[in-house]
Amino acid sequence: MMLLSRLLRAAISLLVIVTLVFVALRATGDPILAMFNPDDYTKEALDAFRRQYGYTGTIFEQYLSYIANVVQGHFGVSSMSSRDALSVVLERVPATLQLVGWSALIMFSVGIPLGSIAALNAGGRLDRLVMAGSTAGFALPNFVLGLALILLFSVFLHWLPSNGSGTWQHLVMPVLTIGLAKAAIFTRFVRSAVLDALKLSCVTSARARGLEESQIFVRHVIPNAMLPLVTIAPLLVGAMVSAGSVVESVFGWPGIGRLIVDSVAQRDLAVLQVIIMLVAALMILTNLIVDLAYSRLDPRTALARSH
């Protein structure tokens, strides 16, 4: 029953997001006039384009038609390529998944050890150094870090290509740009979670029993620090998709982020709607999985909801 309720809330959330995006995109004006110069086309030709891309009738009529088509698996036609919008987006998904997957690995590999070291040395020089680096990484815009990496590895050292795709060399700089930026944020959350875990009574009792600090950290600190990290980590991974809009444009990476920029420039509403719908569905599904995982990791939350 609880799972069914969560699935229903997820479906309602997705419908609300799709509705808001649909209205917002069309509230900016007639997309046909934005895509085609009215001086170069007759009124009959523009009306034909409206029928082709589903922009006839009022916004409410267009919305009902769009929802009916989505339910049947039809997501509209891309005005940039005159192809099915869903297929245009799906062919970019593997490149984005590759970028996000490796970036997430960098985030965890850097954030977990640095955050733990900072917490175990709270107030010391090492802690201040890690937090200063984390603050700098958080404040530095992605495109600035990306351009700095291009100057270092492409212009001066000639080690890596500055843009494009196809080899692991093309992947290094975009992964570092996104991964290090999110690692700066994740480090602070890890530090906070470990500090809170170190204050728990179970840690104090373990020290009183004479356990070594390494054993205490593995047996008591890590399991208790996992709970808040399970909540924030998927959200940061999801945010990598939006960060990819800038990073993929800087490095010419053929993923969803670059497609968003191109779709906005060309006013390709069908593709934009599919992208936003997929990202929203991913975030909603992630939150659902985190919610279920939280109940498993901390049975007290599930018990509290049952009362």
Protein backbone atom coordinates (compact mmCIF):
# COMPACT_ATOMS: atom_id res chain seq x y z
CA MET A 1 0.00 0.00 0.00
CA MET A 2 2.85 2.37 0.86
CA LEU A 3 4.61 1.60 -2.44
CA LEU A 4 1.38 2.18 -4.38
CA SER A 5 0.90 5.54 -2.66
CA ARG A 6 4.45 6.61 -3.56
CA LEU A 7 4.01 5.53 -7.16
CA LEU A 8 0.78 7.55 -7.36
CA ARG A 9 2.52 10.63 -5.97
CA ALA A 10 5.36 10.13 -8.46
CA ALA A 11 2.89 9.97 -11.38
CA ILE A 12 1.08 13.12 -10.17
CA SER A 13 4.39 14.96 -9.76
CA LEU A 14 5.46 14.03 -13.28
CA LEU A 15 2.10 15.18 -14.71
CA VAL A 16 2.38 18.54 -12.89
CA ILE A 17 5.92 19.07 -14.18
CA VAL A 18 4.94 18.19 -17.75
CA THR A 19 1.96 20.58 -17.53
CA LEU A 20 4.01 23.49 -16.18
CA VAL A 21 6.72 22.99 -18.80
CA PHE A 22 4.16 22.73 -21.61
CA VAL A 23 2.47 26.00 -20.61
CA ALA A 24 5.73 27.85 -19.91
CA LEU A 25 7.29 26.96 -23.27
CA ARG A 26 4.23 28.09 -25.20
CA ALA A 27 3.71 31.24 -23.15
CA THR A 28 6.84 32.73 -24.73
CA GLY A 29 5.10 33.17 -28.09
CA ASP A 30 4.22 31.37 -31.28
CA PRO A 31 6.98 28.75 -31.77
CA ILE A 32 6.34 28.58 -35.52
CA LEU A 33 7.09 32.29 -35.94
CA ALA A 34 10.26 31.77 -33.89
CA MET A 35 11.39 28.83 -36.04
CA PHE A 36 10.44 30.23 -39.45
CA ASN A 37 10.77 33.75 -40.80
CA PRO A 38 7.20 34.91 -41.65
CA ASP A 39 8.64 37.11 -44.43
CA ASP A 40 9.94 34.03 -46.25
CA TYR A 41 6.78 31.89 -45.94
CA THR A 42 3.15 32.39 -46.84
CA LYS A 43 0.39 32.17 -44.25
CA GLU A 44 -0.70 28.86 -45.76
CA ALA A 45 2.81 27.43 -45.36
CA LEU A 46 3.01 28.58 -41.72
CA ASP A 47 -0.38 27.03 -40.98
CA ALA A 48 0.84 23.79 -42.57
CA PHE A 49 3.87 23.84 -40.25
CA ARG A 50 1.56 24.39 -37.26
CA ARG A 51 -0.46 21.33 -38.19
CA GLN A 52 2.69 19.30 -38.78
CA TYR A 53 4.21 20.12 -35.39
CA GLY A 54 0.95 20.17 -33.41
CA TYR A 55 0.65 23.91 -32.72
CA THR A 56 -2.95 24.41 -33.86
CA GLY A 57 -5.81 25.48 -31.61
CA THR A 58 -5.66 27.00 -28.13
CA ILE A 59 -2.99 26.09 -25.59
CA PHE A 60 -5.51 23.95 -23.72
CA GLU A 61 -6.42 22.06 -26.90
CA GLN A 62 -2.74 21.57 -27.71
CA TYR A 63 -2.17 20.31 -24.15
CA LEU A 64 -4.97 17.73 -24.33
CA SER A 65 -3.69 16.55 -27.71
CA TYR A 66 -0.11 16.36 -26.38
CA ILE A 67 -1.07 14.32 -23.29
CA ALA A 68 -3.15 11.95 -25.43
CA ASN A 69 -0.21 11.47 -27.79
CA VAL A 70 2.24 10.91 -24.92
CA VAL A 71 0.01 8.22 -23.45
CA GLN A 72 0.14 6.49 -26.85
CA GLY A 73 3.93 6.84 -27.00
CA HIS A 74 4.07 9.75 -29.46
CA PHE A 75 6.18 12.68 -28.23
CA GLY A 76 6.03 14.96 -31.24
CA VAL A 77 8.33 15.74 -34.16
CA SER A 78 11.63 17.56 -33.84
CA SER A 79 11.63 20.78 -35.82
CA MET A 80 15.44 20.62 -36.13
CA SER A 81 15.62 17.22 -37.83
CA SER A 82 11.96 16.41 -38.73
CA ARG A 83 12.35 13.15 -36.79
CA ASP A 84 10.58 11.66 -33.81
CA ALA A 85 11.59 13.79 -30.81
CA LEU A 86 12.02 10.78 -28.51
CA SER A 87 14.50 9.09 -30.86
CA VAL A 88 16.47 12.34 -31.19
CA VAL A 89 16.85 12.47 -27.40
CA LEU A 90 17.48 8.77 -26.82
CA GLU A 91 20.41 8.69 -29.24
CA ARG A 92 22.15 11.27 -27.02
CA VAL A 93 21.47 9.40 -23.75
CA PRO A 94 24.46 6.97 -23.91
CA ALA A 95 26.95 9.84 -24.19
CA THR A 96 25.40 11.64 -21.21
CA LEU A 97 25.23 8.45 -19.12
CA GLN A 98 28.90 7.85 -19.82
CA LEU A 99 29.77 11.39 -18.77
CA VAL A 100 27.59 11.33 -15.64
CA GLY A 101 28.74 7.84 -14.61
CA TRP A 102 32.44 8.69 -14.65
CA SER A 103 31.77 12.10 -13.07
CA ALA A 104 29.89 10.41 -10.23
CA LEU A 105 32.85 8.07 -9.71
CA ILE A 106 35.15 11.10 -9.43
CA MET A 107 32.74 12.75 -6.99
CA PHE A 108 32.64 9.72 -4.69
CA SER A 109 36.37 8.97 -5.01
CA VAL A 110 37.32 12.52 -4.04
CA GLY A 111 34.46 13.56 -1.74
CA ILE A 112 34.31 10.56 0.60
CA PRO A 113 37.99 10.40 1.62
CA LEU A 114 38.48 14.18 1.78
CA GLY A 115 35.28 14.72 3.77
CA SER A 116 36.20 11.92 6.17
CA ILE A 117 39.73 13.28 6.63
CA ALA A 118 38.36 16.76 7.31
CA ALA A 119 35.90 15.42 9.89
CA LEU A 120 38.52 13.30 11.66
CA ASN A 121 40.75 16.39 11.87
CA ALA A 122 37.96 18.87 12.67
CA GLY A 123 39.34 22.31 13.50
CA GLY A 124 42.86 21.43 12.40
CA ARG A 125 44.95 22.63 9.49
CA LEU A 126 43.98 19.70 7.31
CA ASP A 127 40.30 20.40 7.91
CA ARG A 128 40.69 24.07 7.04
CA LEU A 129 42.67 23.20 3.91
CA VAL A 130 40.04 20.72 2.68
CA MET A 131 37.20 23.14 3.40
CA ALA A 132 39.01 26.00 1.64
CA GLY A 133 39.48 23.82 -1.43
CA SER A 134 35.85 22.70 -1.24
CA THR A 135 34.63 26.29 -1.08
CA ALA A 136 36.79 27.29 -4.04
CA GLY A 137 35.54 24.33 -6.08
CA PHE A 138 31.93 25.09 -5.22
CA ALA A 139 32.23 28.78 -6.10
CA LEU A 140 34.11 28.26 -9.37
CA PRO A 141 31.72 28.14 -12.37
CA ASN A 142 31.90 24.97 -14.47
CA PHE A 143 32.81 26.78 -17.67
CA VAL A 144 35.73 28.54 -15.96
CA LEU A 145 37.12 25.24 -14.69
CA GLY A 146 36.55 23.70 -18.12
CA LEU A 147 38.39 26.50 -19.91
CA ALA A 148 41.25 26.27 -17.38
CA LEU A 149 41.60 22.56 -18.08
CA ILE A 150 41.60 23.22 -21.84
CA LEU A 151 44.37 25.81 -21.43
CA LEU A 152 46.43 23.43 -19.30
CA PHE A 153 46.00 20.06 -21.00
CA SER A 154 45.28 21.10 -24.60
CA VAL A 155 46.99 24.43 -25.23
CA PHE A 156 50.12 24.20 -23.05
CA LEU A 157 50.75 20.48 -22.53
CA HIS A 158 49.10 19.14 -25.71
CA TRP A 159 48.03 16.00 -23.85
CA LEU A 160 44.29 15.97 -24.53
CA PRO A 161 41.95 17.10 -27.33
CA SER A 162 40.01 20.26 -26.52
CA ASN A 163 36.65 19.03 -27.84
CA GLY A 164 34.83 16.21 -29.56
CA SER A 165 34.18 12.57 -28.64
CA GLY A 166 35.12 9.01 -29.59
CA THR A 167 38.10 8.23 -27.34
CA TRP A 168 38.79 8.17 -23.62
CA GLN A 169 41.00 11.25 -24.06
CA HIS A 170 37.93 13.27 -25.09
CA LEU A 171 36.19 12.19 -21.88
CA VAL A 172 38.87 13.18 -19.36
CA MET A 173 38.36 16.95 -19.14
CA PRO A 174 34.53 17.03 -19.14
CA VAL A 175 34.52 14.31 -16.44
CA LEU A 176 37.02 16.23 -14.32
CA THR A 177 35.04 19.46 -14.76
CA ILE A 178 31.75 18.00 -13.54
CA GLY A 179 33.18 15.47 -11.09
CA LEU A 180 35.44 17.90 -9.23
CA ALA A 181 32.72 20.56 -9.04
CA LYS A 182 30.25 18.11 -7.47
CA ALA A 183 32.99 16.58 -5.30
CA ALA A 184 33.49 20.01 -3.72
CA ILE A 185 29.86 19.99 -2.61
CA PHE A 186 29.80 16.31 -1.64
CA THR A 187 32.93 16.72 0.51
CA ARG A 188 31.10 19.16 2.77
CA PHE A 189 28.15 16.79 3.19
CA VAL A 190 30.49 13.88 3.97
CA ARG A 191 32.31 15.96 6.58
CA SER A 192 29.05 16.99 8.23
CA ALA A 193 27.68 13.42 8.21
CA VAL A 194 30.88 11.96 9.69
CA LEU A 195 31.03 14.66 12.38
CA ASP A 196 27.44 13.87 13.41
CA ALA A 197 28.21 10.14 13.48
CA LEU A 198 31.29 10.70 15.65
CA LYS A 199 29.07 12.32 18.31
CA LEU A 200 26.76 9.32 18.65
CA SER A 201 26.63 7.36 21.90
CA CYS A 202 27.55 4.10 20.12
CA VAL A 203 30.89 5.65 19.13
CA THR A 204 31.52 6.78 22.71
CA SER A 205 30.67 3.30 24.01
CA ALA A 206 32.97 1.67 21.45
CA ARG A 207 35.85 3.88 22.58
CA ALA A 208 35.09 3.02 26.20
CA ARG A 209 35.35 -0.68 25.30
CA GLY A 210 38.84 -0.04 23.93
CA LEU A 211 38.15 -0.57 20.23
CA GLU A 212 40.68 0.89 17.80
CA GLU A 213 39.70 4.05 15.94
CA SER A 214 39.81 2.24 12.60
CA GLN A 215 37.35 -0.37 13.87
CA ILE A 216 35.08 2.30 15.30
CA PHE A 217 35.11 4.17 12.00
CA VAL A 218 34.24 1.07 9.96
CA ARG A 219 31.67 -0.46 12.31
CA HIS A 220 29.89 2.60 13.69
CA VAL A 221 30.79 5.83 11.92
CA ILE A 222 30.37 4.73 8.29
CA PRO A 223 26.96 3.00 8.72
CA ASN A 224 25.50 6.01 10.54
CA ALA A 225 27.03 8.54 8.15
CA MET A 226 25.54 6.67 5.19
CA LEU A 227 21.96 7.77 5.94
CA PRO A 228 22.25 11.48 5.03
CA LEU A 229 24.65 10.68 2.18
CA VAL A 230 22.14 8.29 0.61
CA THR A 231 19.75 11.24 0.40
CA ILE A 232 22.07 13.84 -1.10
CA ALA A 233 24.23 11.71 -3.41
CA PRO A 234 21.51 10.85 -5.97
CA LEU A 235 20.43 14.50 -6.09
CA LEU A 236 23.98 15.58 -6.91
CA VAL A 237 24.23 12.90 -9.57
CA GLY A 238 20.97 14.15 -11.07
CA ALA A 239 22.30 17.71 -11.00
CA MET A 240 25.17 16.55 -13.21
CA VAL A 241 22.73 16.33 -16.12
CA SER A 242 21.91 20.03 -15.83
CA ALA A 243 25.58 20.88 -15.34
CA GLY A 244 26.23 19.04 -18.59
CA SER A 245 24.45 21.77 -20.55
CA VAL A 246 27.42 24.08 -20.08
CA VAL A 247 30.17 21.47 -19.93
CA GLU A 248 29.05 19.59 -23.03
CA SER A 249 28.87 22.86 -24.97
CA VAL A 250 32.38 23.85 -23.86
CA PHE A 251 33.91 20.49 -24.82
CA GLY A 252 31.65 19.67 -27.78
CA TRP A 253 30.41 16.48 -26.10
CA PRO A 254 27.37 15.08 -27.99
CA GLY A 255 25.08 14.50 -25.01
CA ILE A 256 21.72 15.67 -23.75
CA GLY A 257 23.17 18.86 -22.25
CA ARG A 258 24.39 20.08 -25.64
CA LEU A 259 21.07 19.04 -27.17
CA ILE A 260 19.27 21.27 -24.65
CA VAL A 261 21.31 24.28 -25.77
CA ASP A 262 20.67 23.53 -29.44
CA SER A 263 16.94 22.97 -28.83
CA VAL A 264 16.56 26.25 -26.97
CA ALA A 265 18.39 28.12 -29.74
CA GLN A 266 16.19 26.51 -32.42
CA ARG A 267 12.97 26.64 -30.35
CA ASP A 268 12.53 22.89 -30.76
CA LEU A 269 9.81 22.51 -28.13
CA ALA A 270 9.13 18.83 -28.81
CA VAL A 271 12.73 17.85 -28.01
CA LEU A 272 12.85 20.17 -24.97
CA GLN A 273 9.68 18.62 -23.57
CA VAL A 274 11.06 15.10 -23.98
CA ILE A 275 14.33 16.04 -22.27
CA ILE A 276 12.61 17.72 -19.33
CA MET A 277 10.19 14.82 -19.01
CA LEU A 278 13.03 12.27 -18.95
CA VAL A 279 15.06 14.29 -16.42
CA ALA A 280 11.99 14.79 -14.22
CA ALA A 281 11.15 11.08 -14.41
CA LEU A 282 14.75 10.23 -13.50
CA MET A 283 14.73 12.55 -10.48
CA ILE A 284 11.34 11.29 -9.29
CA LEU A 285 12.45 7.67 -9.68
CA THR A 286 15.69 8.47 -7.84
CA ASN A 287 13.79 10.03 -4.94
CA LEU A 288 11.52 7.00 -4.82
CA ILE A 289 14.49 4.62 -4.69
CA VAL A 290 16.17 6.76 -2.02
CA ASP A 291 12.98 6.75 0.02
CA LEU A 292 12.78 2.96 -0.14
CA ALA A 293 16.50 2.58 0.58
CA TYR A 294 16.19 4.90 3.57
CA SER A 295 13.51 2.66 5.05
CA ARG A 296 15.84 -0.32 4.68
CA LEU A 297 18.88 1.47 6.12
CA ASP A 298 16.93 2.96 9.01
CA PRO A 299 13.92 0.82 9.94
CA ARG A 300 12.78 3.52 12.38
CA THR A 301 11.60 5.68 9.46
CA ALA A 302 9.40 2.92 8.09
CA LEU A 303 8.06 2.21 11.57
CA ALA A 304 7.23 5.89 12.10
CA ARG A 305 5.29 6.06 8.83
CA SER A 306 3.27 2.98 9.68
CA HIS A 307 1.82 4.65 12.80
